[in-house]
Amino acid sequence: MYHYSIIQWLFFFYFYCFFGWIFESSYVSLKSKKFVNRGFMRGPFLPIYGSGAIMMLVVSMPFQDNIFLTYIAGCIGATVLELVTGVAMEALFKVRYWDYSNQKFNYKGHICLSSTIAWGFLTIFMTEFLHKVVEGIVSFIPAMTINVVTVIVTVYIIIDFTLSFKAAMDLRDILVGLEKAKQEMERIQKRLDVIIAVANEEREMRKLENSMRIDDLMENIEERFGAFKERIKINPSEFMEDVREEITELRSRYIVEKEHRLQFKGLKDVYQRALIKGNPTMYSRRFEEALEELKKAANERRKK
């Protein structure tokens, strides 16, 4: 059994958060051939690794003399942690920070059989080898030093996590705002199609494709407004006064939504940009196009 104080548990948690950041940032950086500061937070800590390590130690406590039960406990404990964390983060932030949808035997992309199997072996490695080494090293560090370091790191992590959480929530609002702007533009285009059909019955009304990307949609709307302007200039009496007023009102709504999109894509917050760049595999089924826009905007800002 592990007999640690609260300070010691926190110290181990922070250590594995830092260790996980080194491991994953190195792996992703080598794979991307550029430095990637991985994780939800800005600083060198990945809470999911710290949580996973502590979870492995806790669930394996009753089975320290049975390696098979330690493996099973690790499989179940880590999979439950991954599932709960994945579901909660997607519900809260509207994006996925990992996705197993392309893996066999996955459950809604949050967990999969291969990762569950790997978690079991990692639990054995953690409890039988890695933690014993870490525990031995920590035992040589004076208790006062551990206490001071733990308090300092706790203050830092609270500040970093608070700012990162706010950035993630703001990013969620940006995704929702971009999607709402697109939906409003789709309604504007549909109404313009109706006006065109009524004013020119021999022309078949063009149907809006749900898969139309926002740039194509905006270009399409701009073309319609341009066409209306030319037709009114050539024949002012072609459209009744109330129709011209509606077109003007639609134009005003379009300009407002266009401005909203520019504001949302600004990404002035450094934590928001870091969150996107540090999680290149971030995915959102509902806001896929909006998220891709933000990724593109973050990359363009970095190049500048």
C-alpha atoms as a PDB file:
ATOM      1  CA  MET A   1       0.000   0.000   0.000  1.00  0.00           C
ATOM      2  CA  TYR A   2       1.102   3.585  -0.673  1.00  0.00           C
ATOM      3  CA  HIS A   3       1.301   5.731   2.438  1.00  0.00           C
ATOM      4  CA  TYR A   4       1.692   9.274   1.156  1.00  0.00           C
ATOM      5  CA  SER A   5       0.636  12.621   2.547  1.00  0.00           C
ATOM      6  CA  ILE A   6      -1.605  14.929   0.509  1.00  0.00           C
ATOM      7  CA  ILE A   7       1.451  17.019  -0.413  1.00  0.00           C
ATOM      8  CA  GLN A   8       3.259  13.910  -1.659  1.00  0.00           C
ATOM      9  CA  TRP A   9       0.269  12.798  -3.737  1.00  0.00           C
ATOM     10  CA  LEU A  10       0.136  16.279  -5.277  1.00  0.00           C
ATOM     11  CA  PHE A  11       3.870  16.186  -5.955  1.00  0.00           C
ATOM     12  CA  PHE A  12       3.539  12.859  -7.768  1.00  0.00           C
ATOM     13  CA  PHE A  13       0.553  14.194  -9.703  1.00  0.00           C
ATOM     14  CA  TYR A  14       2.527  17.232 -10.901  1.00  0.00           C
ATOM     15  CA  PHE A  15       5.555  15.098 -11.681  1.00  0.00           C
ATOM     16  CA  TYR A  16       3.558  12.805 -13.964  1.00  0.00           C
ATOM     17  CA  CYS A  17       1.790  15.795 -15.536  1.00  0.00           C
ATOM     18  CA  PHE A  18       5.237  17.149 -16.427  1.00  0.00           C
ATOM     19  CA  PHE A  19       6.550  13.737 -17.493  1.00  0.00           C
ATOM     20  CA  GLY A  20       3.498  13.238 -19.735  1.00  0.00           C
ATOM     21  CA  TRP A  21       4.013  16.671 -21.307  1.00  0.00           C
ATOM     22  CA  ILE A  22       7.646  15.850 -22.128  1.00  0.00           C
ATOM     23  CA  PHE A  23       6.677  12.491 -23.615  1.00  0.00           C
ATOM     24  CA  GLU A  24       3.750  13.656 -25.734  1.00  0.00           C
ATOM     25  CA  SER A  25       5.237  16.988 -26.840  1.00  0.00           C
ATOM     26  CA  SER A  26       8.413  15.191 -27.925  1.00  0.00           C
ATOM     27  CA  TYR A  27       6.465  12.535 -29.812  1.00  0.00           C
ATOM     28  CA  VAL A  28       4.173  14.999 -31.605  1.00  0.00           C
ATOM     29  CA  SER A  29       7.022  17.436 -32.302  1.00  0.00           C
ATOM     30  CA  LEU A  30       9.139  14.715 -33.900  1.00  0.00           C
ATOM     31  CA  LYS A  31       6.160  13.515 -35.913  1.00  0.00           C
ATOM     32  CA  SER A  32       5.294  17.064 -37.049  1.00  0.00           C
ATOM     33  CA  LYS A  33       8.971  18.033 -37.525  1.00  0.00           C
ATOM     34  CA  LYS A  34       8.346  21.197 -35.484  1.00  0.00           C
ATOM     35  CA  PHE A  35       7.901  21.992 -31.804  1.00  0.00           C
ATOM     36  CA  VAL A  36       4.338  21.447 -30.558  1.00  0.00           C
ATOM     37  CA  ASN A  37       3.419  22.465 -27.021  1.00  0.00           C
ATOM     38  CA  ARG A  38       0.881  19.720 -26.401  1.00  0.00           C
ATOM     39  CA  GLY A  39      -1.998  19.861 -24.024  1.00  0.00           C
ATOM     40  CA  PHE A  40      -4.914  21.804 -22.672  1.00  0.00           C
ATOM     41  CA  MET A  41      -2.740  24.118 -20.579  1.00  0.00           C
ATOM     42  CA  ARG A  42      -0.168  26.659 -21.674  1.00  0.00           C
ATOM     43  CA  GLY A  43       2.558  25.451 -19.295  1.00  0.00           C
ATOM     44  CA  PRO A  44       4.485  22.142 -19.411  1.00  0.00           C
ATOM     45  CA  PHE A  45       1.808  20.027 -17.759  1.00  0.00           C
ATOM     46  CA  LEU A  46      -0.712  17.502 -19.091  1.00  0.00           C
ATOM     47  CA  PRO A  47      -3.304  16.836 -16.352  1.00  0.00           C
ATOM     48  CA  ILE A  48      -4.653  13.761 -18.142  1.00  0.00           C
ATOM     49  CA  TYR A  49      -1.287  12.026 -17.613  1.00  0.00           C
ATOM     50  CA  GLY A  50      -1.104  13.037 -13.970  1.00  0.00           C
ATOM     51  CA  SER A  51      -4.671  11.888 -13.414  1.00  0.00           C
ATOM     52  CA  GLY A  52      -3.984   8.629 -15.235  1.00  0.00           C
ATOM     53  CA  ALA A  53      -0.849   7.914 -13.209  1.00  0.00           C
ATOM     54  CA  ILE A  54      -2.546   8.569  -9.862  1.00  0.00           C
ATOM     55  CA  MET A  55      -5.542   6.521 -10.973  1.00  0.00           C
ATOM     56  CA  MET A  56      -3.253   3.579 -11.840  1.00  0.00           C
ATOM     57  CA  LEU A  57      -1.615   3.720  -8.427  1.00  0.00           C
ATOM     58  CA  VAL A  58      -4.957   3.898  -6.621  1.00  0.00           C
ATOM     59  CA  VAL A  59      -6.825   1.154  -8.505  1.00  0.00           C
ATOM     60  CA  SER A  60      -3.868  -1.217  -8.285  1.00  0.00           C
ATOM     61  CA  MET A  61      -3.500  -0.861  -4.508  1.00  0.00           C
ATOM     62  CA  PRO A  62      -5.700  -3.867  -3.584  1.00  0.00           C
ATOM     63  CA  PHE A  63      -3.970  -6.080  -6.182  1.00  0.00           C
ATOM     64  CA  GLN A  64      -0.261  -5.348  -5.684  1.00  0.00           C
ATOM     65  CA  ASP A  65       0.489  -9.043  -5.236  1.00  0.00           C
ATOM     66  CA  ASN A  66      -1.476 -10.116  -8.313  1.00  0.00           C
ATOM     67  CA  ILE A  67      -0.144  -8.833 -11.635  1.00  0.00           C
ATOM     68  CA  PHE A  68      -3.169 -10.129 -13.596  1.00  0.00           C
ATOM     69  CA  LEU A  69      -5.674  -8.267 -11.416  1.00  0.00           C
ATOM     70  CA  THR A  70      -3.426  -5.203 -11.574  1.00  0.00           C
ATOM     71  CA  TYR A  71      -3.674  -5.391 -15.364  1.00  0.00           C
ATOM     72  CA  ILE A  72      -7.477  -5.724 -15.293  1.00  0.00           C
ATOM     73  CA  ALA A  73      -7.818  -2.887 -12.776  1.00  0.00           C
ATOM     74  CA  GLY A  74      -5.662  -0.665 -14.989  1.00  0.00           C
ATOM     75  CA  CYS A  75      -7.689  -1.492 -18.088  1.00  0.00           C
ATOM     76  CA  ILE A  76     -10.986  -0.669 -16.399  1.00  0.00           C
ATOM     77  CA  GLY A  77      -9.832   2.347 -14.396  1.00  0.00           C
ATOM     78  CA  ALA A  78      -8.003   4.105 -17.220  1.00  0.00           C
ATOM     79  CA  THR A  79     -10.769   3.407 -19.760  1.00  0.00           C
ATOM     80  CA  VAL A  80     -13.424   4.828 -17.421  1.00  0.00           C
ATOM     81  CA  LEU A  81     -11.231   7.900 -16.801  1.00  0.00           C
ATOM     82  CA  GLU A  82     -10.684   8.410 -20.530  1.00  0.00           C
ATOM     83  CA  LEU A  83     -14.388   8.005 -21.303  1.00  0.00           C
ATOM     84  CA  VAL A  84     -15.613  10.352 -18.572  1.00  0.00           C
ATOM     85  CA  THR A  85     -12.974  12.958 -19.406  1.00  0.00           C
ATOM     86  CA  GLY A  86     -13.658  12.769 -23.152  1.00  0.00           C
ATOM     87  CA  VAL A  87     -17.437  13.018 -22.802  1.00  0.00           C
ATOM     88  CA  ALA A  88     -17.210  15.849 -20.270  1.00  0.00           C
ATOM     89  CA  MET A  89     -14.753  17.897 -22.340  1.00  0.00           C
ATOM     90  CA  GLU A  90     -16.765  17.520 -25.535  1.00  0.00           C
ATOM     91  CA  ALA A  91     -19.993  18.458 -23.758  1.00  0.00           C
ATOM     92  CA  LEU A  92     -18.342  21.483 -22.166  1.00  0.00           C
ATOM     93  CA  PHE A  93     -16.024  22.739 -24.928  1.00  0.00           C
ATOM     94  CA  LYS A  94     -17.807  21.322 -28.036  1.00  0.00           C
ATOM     95  CA  VAL A  95     -14.566  19.781 -29.340  1.00  0.00           C
ATOM     96  CA  ARG A  96     -12.673  16.528 -28.928  1.00  0.00           C
ATOM     97  CA  TYR A  97      -9.044  16.605 -27.892  1.00  0.00           C
ATOM     98  CA  TRP A  98      -8.629  12.971 -28.999  1.00  0.00           C
ATOM     99  CA  ASP A  99     -10.725  10.799 -31.277  1.00  0.00           C
ATOM    100  CA  TYR A 100     -10.613   7.022 -31.790  1.00  0.00           C
ATOM    101  CA  SER A 101     -13.322   6.946 -34.464  1.00  0.00           C
ATOM    102  CA  ASN A 102     -10.874   5.460 -36.974  1.00  0.00           C
ATOM    103  CA  GLN A 103      -9.948   2.621 -34.603  1.00  0.00           C
ATOM    104  CA  LYS A 104     -11.713  -0.741 -34.463  1.00  0.00           C
ATOM    105  CA  PHE A 105     -14.041  -1.499 -31.545  1.00  0.00           C
ATOM    106  CA  ASN A 106     -14.360   2.102 -30.422  1.00  0.00           C
ATOM    107  CA  TYR A 107     -17.191   3.651 -28.444  1.00  0.00           C
ATOM    108  CA  LYS A 108     -18.274   6.989 -29.928  1.00  0.00           C
ATOM    109  CA  GLY A 109     -14.630   7.801 -30.579  1.00  0.00           C
ATOM    110  CA  HIS A 110     -13.886   8.389 -26.889  1.00  0.00           C
ATOM    111  CA  ILE A 111     -12.397   4.972 -26.089  1.00  0.00           C
ATOM    112  CA  CYS A 112     -11.315   1.908 -28.049  1.00  0.00           C
ATOM    113  CA  LEU A 113     -10.201  -1.644 -27.381  1.00  0.00           C
ATOM    114  CA  SER A 114      -6.562  -1.101 -28.374  1.00  0.00           C
ATOM    115  CA  SER A 115      -6.136   1.789 -25.935  1.00  0.00           C
ATOM    116  CA  THR A 116      -7.821  -0.207 -23.166  1.00  0.00           C
ATOM    117  CA  ILE A 117      -5.367  -3.075 -23.701  1.00  0.00           C
ATOM    118  CA  ALA A 118      -2.456  -0.627 -23.701  1.00  0.00           C
ATOM    119  CA  TRP A 119      -3.675   1.001 -20.460  1.00  0.00           C
ATOM    120  CA  GLY A 120      -3.440  -2.351 -18.693  1.00  0.00           C
ATOM    121  CA  PHE A 121       0.199  -2.855 -19.686  1.00  0.00           C
ATOM    122  CA  LEU A 122       1.009   0.752 -18.813  1.00  0.00           C
ATOM    123  CA  THR A 123      -0.456   0.159 -15.348  1.00  0.00           C
ATOM    124  CA  ILE A 124       1.875  -2.797 -14.811  1.00  0.00           C
ATOM    125  CA  PHE A 125       4.849  -0.777 -16.072  1.00  0.00           C
ATOM    126  CA  MET A 126       3.799   2.126 -13.876  1.00  0.00           C
ATOM    127  CA  THR A 127       3.340   0.179 -10.643  1.00  0.00           C
ATOM    128  CA  GLU A 128       6.132  -2.396 -11.058  1.00  0.00           C
ATOM    129  CA  PHE A 129       8.896  -0.228 -12.519  1.00  0.00           C
ATOM    130  CA  LEU A 130       8.451   3.497 -13.160  1.00  0.00           C
ATOM    131  CA  HIS A 131       6.847   4.586  -9.881  1.00  0.00           C
ATOM    132  CA  LYS A 132       9.352   2.615  -7.807  1.00  0.00           C
ATOM    133  CA  VAL A 133      12.179   4.556  -9.479  1.00  0.00           C
ATOM    134  CA  VAL A 134      10.362   7.883  -9.040  1.00  0.00           C
ATOM    135  CA  GLU A 135       9.509   7.057  -5.436  1.00  0.00           C
ATOM    136  CA  GLY A 136      13.170   6.235  -4.749  1.00  0.00           C
ATOM    137  CA  ILE A 137      14.365   9.527  -6.228  1.00  0.00           C
ATOM    138  CA  VAL A 138      11.761  11.544  -4.329  1.00  0.00           C
ATOM    139  CA  SER A 139      12.750   9.879  -1.047  1.00  0.00           C
ATOM    140  CA  PHE A 140      16.145  11.643  -1.259  1.00  0.00           C
ATOM    141  CA  ILE A 141      14.536  15.091  -1.604  1.00  0.00           C
ATOM    142  CA  PRO A 142      14.069  16.931   1.712  1.00  0.00           C
ATOM    143  CA  ALA A 143      10.430  17.157   2.812  1.00  0.00           C
ATOM    144  CA  MET A 144      10.642  20.956   3.078  1.00  0.00           C
ATOM    145  CA  THR A 145      11.812  21.203  -0.544  1.00  0.00           C
ATOM    146  CA  ILE A 146       8.923  19.021  -1.721  1.00  0.00           C
ATOM    147  CA  ASN A 147       6.461  21.141   0.276  1.00  0.00           C
ATOM    148  CA  VAL A 148       7.744  24.429  -1.130  1.00  0.00           C
ATOM    149  CA  VAL A 149       7.920  23.162  -4.730  1.00  0.00           C
ATOM    150  CA  THR A 150       4.431  21.649  -4.482  1.00  0.00           C
ATOM    151  CA  VAL A 151       2.906  24.878  -3.155  1.00  0.00           C
ATOM    152  CA  ILE A 152       4.581  26.985  -5.866  1.00  0.00           C
ATOM    153  CA  VAL A 153       3.548  24.595  -8.646  1.00  0.00           C
ATOM    154  CA  THR A 154      -0.008  24.437  -7.244  1.00  0.00           C
ATOM    155  CA  VAL A 155      -0.359  28.223  -7.450  1.00  0.00           C
ATOM    156  CA  TYR A 156       1.056  28.245 -10.977  1.00  0.00           C
ATOM    157  CA  ILE A 157      -1.184  25.407 -12.188  1.00  0.00           C
ATOM    158  CA  ILE A 158      -4.314  27.014 -10.714  1.00  0.00           C
ATOM    159  CA  ILE A 159      -3.557  30.234 -12.613  1.00  0.00           C
ATOM    160  CA  ASP A 160      -2.625  28.412 -15.827  1.00  0.00           C
ATOM    161  CA  PHE A 161      -5.644  26.091 -15.679  1.00  0.00           C
ATOM    162  CA  THR A 162      -8.003  29.018 -15.005  1.00  0.00           C
ATOM    163  CA  LEU A 163      -6.722  30.957 -18.020  1.00  0.00           C
ATOM    164  CA  SER A 164      -6.741  27.819 -20.199  1.00  0.00           C
ATOM    165  CA  PHE A 165     -10.270  26.929 -19.117  1.00  0.00           C
ATOM    166  CA  LYS A 166     -11.461  30.450 -19.949  1.00  0.00           C
ATOM    167  CA  ALA A 167      -9.751  30.245 -23.351  1.00  0.00           C
ATOM    168  CA  ALA A 168     -11.439  26.898 -24.062  1.00  0.00           C
ATOM    169  CA  MET A 169     -14.843  28.301 -23.090  1.00  0.00           C
ATOM    170  CA  ASP A 170     -14.247  31.391 -25.250  1.00  0.00           C
ATOM    171  CA  LEU A 171     -13.195  29.123 -28.115  1.00  0.00           C
ATOM    172  CA  ARG A 172     -16.450  27.222 -27.702  1.00  0.00           C
ATOM    173  CA  ASP A 173     -18.391  30.510 -27.921  1.00  0.00           C
ATOM    174  CA  ILE A 174     -16.445  31.428 -31.067  1.00  0.00           C
ATOM    175  CA  LEU A 175     -17.355  28.113 -32.715  1.00  0.00           C
ATOM    176  CA  VAL A 176     -21.012  28.598 -31.802  1.00  0.00           C
ATOM    177  CA  GLY A 177     -20.895  32.193 -33.079  1.00  0.00           C
ATOM    178  CA  LEU A 178     -19.331  31.194 -36.404  1.00  0.00           C
ATOM    179  CA  GLU A 179     -21.952  28.486 -36.878  1.00  0.00           C
ATOM    180  CA  LYS A 180     -24.787  30.917 -36.068  1.00  0.00           C
ATOM    181  CA  ALA A 181     -23.372  33.436 -38.559  1.00  0.00           C
ATOM    182  CA  LYS A 182     -23.306  30.768 -41.253  1.00  0.00           C
ATOM    183  CA  GLN A 183     -26.878  29.688 -40.460  1.00  0.00           C
ATOM    184  CA  GLU A 184     -28.052  33.306 -40.684  1.00  0.00           C
ATOM    185  CA  MET A 185     -26.316  33.674 -44.053  1.00  0.00           C
ATOM    186  CA  GLU A 186     -28.023  30.497 -45.262  1.00  0.00           C
ATOM    187  CA  ARG A 187     -31.399  31.992 -44.283  1.00  0.00           C
ATOM    188  CA  ILE A 188     -30.490  35.208 -46.123  1.00  0.00           C
ATOM    189  CA  GLN A 189     -29.584  33.271 -49.260  1.00  0.00           C
ATOM    190  CA  LYS A 190     -32.804  31.231 -49.135  1.00  0.00           C
ATOM    191  CA  ARG A 191     -34.837  34.417 -48.861  1.00  0.00           C
ATOM    192  CA  LEU A 192     -32.927  35.939 -51.780  1.00  0.00           C
ATOM    193  CA  ASP A 193     -33.687  32.803 -53.817  1.00  0.00           C
ATOM    194  CA  VAL A 194     -37.383  33.231 -53.068  1.00  0.00           C
ATOM    195  CA  ILE A 195     -37.302  36.892 -54.156  1.00  0.00           C
ATOM    196  CA  ILE A 196     -35.516  35.931 -57.389  1.00  0.00           C
ATOM    197  CA  ALA A 197     -38.033  33.153 -58.094  1.00  0.00           C
ATOM    198  CA  VAL A 198     -40.986  35.461 -57.569  1.00  0.00           C
ATOM    199  CA  ALA A 199     -39.482  38.279 -59.638  1.00  0.00           C
ATOM    200  CA  ASN A 200     -38.381  35.977 -62.452  1.00  0.00           C
ATOM    201  CA  GLU A 201     -40.660  32.947 -62.634  1.00  0.00           C
ATOM    202  CA  GLU A 202     -39.045  31.366 -65.699  1.00  0.00           C
ATOM    203  CA  ARG A 203     -35.783  30.957 -63.735  1.00  0.00           C
ATOM    204  CA  GLU A 204     -35.728  27.837 -61.586  1.00  0.00           C
ATOM    205  CA  MET A 205     -34.844  28.661 -57.999  1.00  0.00           C
ATOM    206  CA  ARG A 206     -31.420  27.363 -57.078  1.00  0.00           C
ATOM    207  CA  LYS A 207     -31.458  25.056 -54.076  1.00  0.00           C
ATOM    208  CA  LEU A 208     -28.951  25.618 -51.281  1.00  0.00           C
ATOM    209  CA  GLU A 209     -26.651  22.684 -50.671  1.00  0.00           C
ATOM    210  CA  ASN A 210     -26.127  21.893 -46.999  1.00  0.00           C
ATOM    211  CA  SER A 211     -22.515  21.018 -47.773  1.00  0.00           C
ATOM    212  CA  MET A 212     -21.755  24.486 -49.192  1.00  0.00           C
ATOM    213  CA  ARG A 213     -18.757  25.948 -47.402  1.00  0.00           C
ATOM    214  CA  ILE A 214     -18.986  29.370 -45.835  1.00  0.00           C
ATOM    215  CA  ASP A 215     -16.663  31.040 -48.376  1.00  0.00           C
ATOM    216  CA  ASP A 216     -18.766  29.728 -51.284  1.00  0.00           C
ATOM    217  CA  LEU A 217     -21.937  30.775 -49.456  1.00  0.00           C
ATOM    218  CA  MET A 218     -20.669  34.333 -48.954  1.00  0.00           C
ATOM    219  CA  GLU A 219     -19.546  34.570 -52.572  1.00  0.00           C
ATOM    220  CA  ASN A 220     -22.963  33.329 -53.678  1.00  0.00           C
ATOM    221  CA  ILE A 221     -24.755  35.934 -51.551  1.00  0.00           C
ATOM    222  CA  GLU A 222     -22.466  38.725 -52.825  1.00  0.00           C
ATOM    223  CA  GLU A 223     -23.308  37.719 -56.415  1.00  0.00           C
ATOM    224  CA  ARG A 224     -27.035  37.882 -55.659  1.00  0.00           C
ATOM    225  CA  PHE A 225     -26.807  41.331 -54.116  1.00  0.00           C
ATOM    226  CA  GLY A 226     -24.732  42.478 -57.096  1.00  0.00           C
ATOM    227  CA  ALA A 227     -27.319  41.106 -59.503  1.00  0.00           C
ATOM    228  CA  PHE A 228     -30.149  42.852 -57.617  1.00  0.00           C
ATOM    229  CA  LYS A 229     -28.253  46.143 -57.696  1.00  0.00           C
ATOM    230  CA  GLU A 230     -27.745  45.957 -61.470  1.00  0.00           C
ATOM    231  CA  ARG A 231     -31.360  44.976 -62.145  1.00  0.00           C
ATOM    232  CA  ILE A 232     -32.713  47.811 -59.989  1.00  0.00           C
ATOM    233  CA  LYS A 233     -30.344  50.269 -61.691  1.00  0.00           C
ATOM    234  CA  ILE A 234     -31.504  49.171 -65.165  1.00  0.00           C
ATOM    235  CA  ASN A 235     -35.208  48.912 -64.309  1.00  0.00           C
ATOM    236  CA  PRO A 236     -36.119  50.643 -61.002  1.00  0.00           C
ATOM    237  CA  SER A 237     -39.757  49.584 -61.320  1.00  0.00           C
ATOM    238  CA  GLU A 238     -38.959  45.860 -61.599  1.00  0.00           C
ATOM    239  CA  PHE A 239     -39.193  45.403 -57.827  1.00  0.00           C
ATOM    240  CA  MET A 240     -41.919  46.834 -55.621  1.00  0.00           C
ATOM    241  CA  GLU A 241     -40.945  49.219 -52.841  1.00  0.00           C
ATOM    242  CA  ASP A 242     -41.462  46.633 -50.077  1.00  0.00           C
ATOM    243  CA  VAL A 243     -39.223  44.150 -51.946  1.00  0.00           C
ATOM    244  CA  ARG A 244     -36.453  46.744 -52.319  1.00  0.00           C
ATOM    245  CA  GLU A 245     -36.744  47.497 -48.604  1.00  0.00           C
ATOM    246  CA  GLU A 246     -36.460  43.792 -47.770  1.00  0.00           C
ATOM    247  CA  ILE A 247     -33.372  43.452 -49.969  1.00  0.00           C
ATOM    248  CA  THR A 248     -31.822  46.427 -48.164  1.00  0.00           C
ATOM    249  CA  GLU A 249     -32.672  44.855 -44.816  1.00  0.00           C
ATOM    250  CA  LEU A 250     -31.158  41.519 -45.895  1.00  0.00           C
ATOM    251  CA  ARG A 251     -28.051  43.357 -47.035  1.00  0.00           C
ATOM    252  CA  SER A 252     -27.719  44.992 -43.618  1.00  0.00           C
ATOM    253  CA  ARG A 253     -28.115  41.637 -41.864  1.00  0.00           C
ATOM    254  CA  TYR A 254     -25.494  40.110 -44.122  1.00  0.00           C
ATOM    255  CA  ILE A 255     -22.990  42.896 -43.380  1.00  0.00           C
ATOM    256  CA  VAL A 256     -23.559  42.400 -39.639  1.00  0.00           C
ATOM    257  CA  GLU A 257     -22.972  38.629 -39.846  1.00  0.00           C
ATOM    258  CA  LYS A 258     -19.917  39.162 -42.052  1.00  0.00           C
ATOM    259  CA  GLU A 259     -18.482  41.488 -39.411  1.00  0.00           C
ATOM    260  CA  HIS A 260     -19.275  38.926 -36.714  1.00  0.00           C
ATOM    261  CA  ARG A 261     -17.253  36.309 -38.607  1.00  0.00           C
ATOM    262  CA  LEU A 262     -14.257  38.630 -38.856  1.00  0.00           C
ATOM    263  CA  GLN A 263     -14.426  39.335 -35.126  1.00  0.00           C
ATOM    264  CA  PHE A 264     -14.752  35.661 -34.213  1.00  0.00           C
ATOM    265  CA  LYS A 265     -11.795  34.680 -36.412  1.00  0.00           C
ATOM    266  CA  GLY A 266      -9.520  37.265 -34.797  1.00  0.00           C
ATOM    267  CA  LEU A 267      -8.120  34.881 -32.146  1.00  0.00           C
ATOM    268  CA  LYS A 268      -6.415  37.714 -30.252  1.00  0.00           C
ATOM    269  CA  ASP A 269      -6.100  35.667 -27.065  1.00  0.00           C
ATOM    270  CA  VAL A 270      -2.719  33.907 -26.828  1.00  0.00           C
ATOM    271  CA  TYR A 271      -4.232  31.034 -24.834  1.00  0.00           C
ATOM    272  CA  GLN A 272      -6.817  30.370 -27.561  1.00  0.00           C
ATOM    273  CA  ARG A 273      -4.129  30.232 -30.251  1.00  0.00           C
ATOM    274  CA  ALA A 274      -1.932  28.029 -28.061  1.00  0.00           C
ATOM    275  CA  LEU A 275      -4.873  25.709 -27.406  1.00  0.00           C
ATOM    276  CA  ILE A 276      -5.450  25.234 -31.136  1.00  0.00           C
ATOM    277  CA  LYS A 277      -1.785  24.911 -32.100  1.00  0.00           C
ATOM    278  CA  GLY A 278      -1.076  22.555 -29.201  1.00  0.00           C
ATOM    279  CA  ASN A 279      -3.878  20.213 -30.239  1.00  0.00           C
ATOM    280  CA  PRO A 280      -3.614  19.839 -34.025  1.00  0.00           C
ATOM    281  CA  THR A 281      -5.901  16.766 -33.941  1.00  0.00           C
ATOM    282  CA  MET A 282      -8.666  18.688 -32.160  1.00  0.00           C
ATOM    283  CA  TYR A 283     -11.962  17.676 -33.753  1.00  0.00           C
ATOM    284  CA  SER A 284     -15.609  18.730 -33.656  1.00  0.00           C
ATOM    285  CA  ARG A 285     -18.299  16.884 -35.566  1.00  0.00           C
ATOM    286  CA  ARG A 286     -20.882  19.633 -35.114  1.00  0.00           C
ATOM    287  CA  PHE A 287     -18.568  22.610 -35.713  1.00  0.00           C
ATOM    288  CA  GLU A 288     -16.101  20.957 -38.087  1.00  0.00           C
ATOM    289  CA  GLU A 289     -15.953  23.748 -40.669  1.00  0.00           C
ATOM    290  CA  ALA A 290     -15.778  26.519 -38.048  1.00  0.00           C
ATOM    291  CA  LEU A 291     -12.966  24.724 -36.221  1.00  0.00           C
ATOM    292  CA  GLU A 292     -11.009  24.259 -39.450  1.00  0.00           C
ATOM    293  CA  GLU A 293     -11.365  28.006 -40.085  1.00  0.00           C
ATOM    294  CA  LEU A 294      -9.909  28.771 -36.665  1.00  0.00           C
ATOM    295  CA  LYS A 295      -7.033  26.330 -37.190  1.00  0.00           C
ATOM    296  CA  LYS A 296      -6.259  28.039 -40.494  1.00  0.00           C
ATOM    297  CA  ALA A 297      -6.467  31.486 -38.884  1.00  0.00           C
ATOM    298  CA  ALA A 298      -4.125  30.416 -36.045  1.00  0.00           C
ATOM    299  CA  ASN A 299      -1.561  29.053 -38.507  1.00  0.00           C
ATOM    300  CA  GLU A 300      -1.706  32.169 -40.682  1.00  0.00           C
ATOM    301  CA  ARG A 301      -1.180  34.382 -37.632  1.00  0.00           C
ATOM    302  CA  ARG A 302       1.867  32.314 -36.618  1.00  0.00           C
ATOM    303  CA  LYS A 303       3.405  32.727 -40.091  1.00  0.00           C
ATOM    304  CA  LYS A 304       3.032  36.488 -39.843  1.00  0.00           C
END
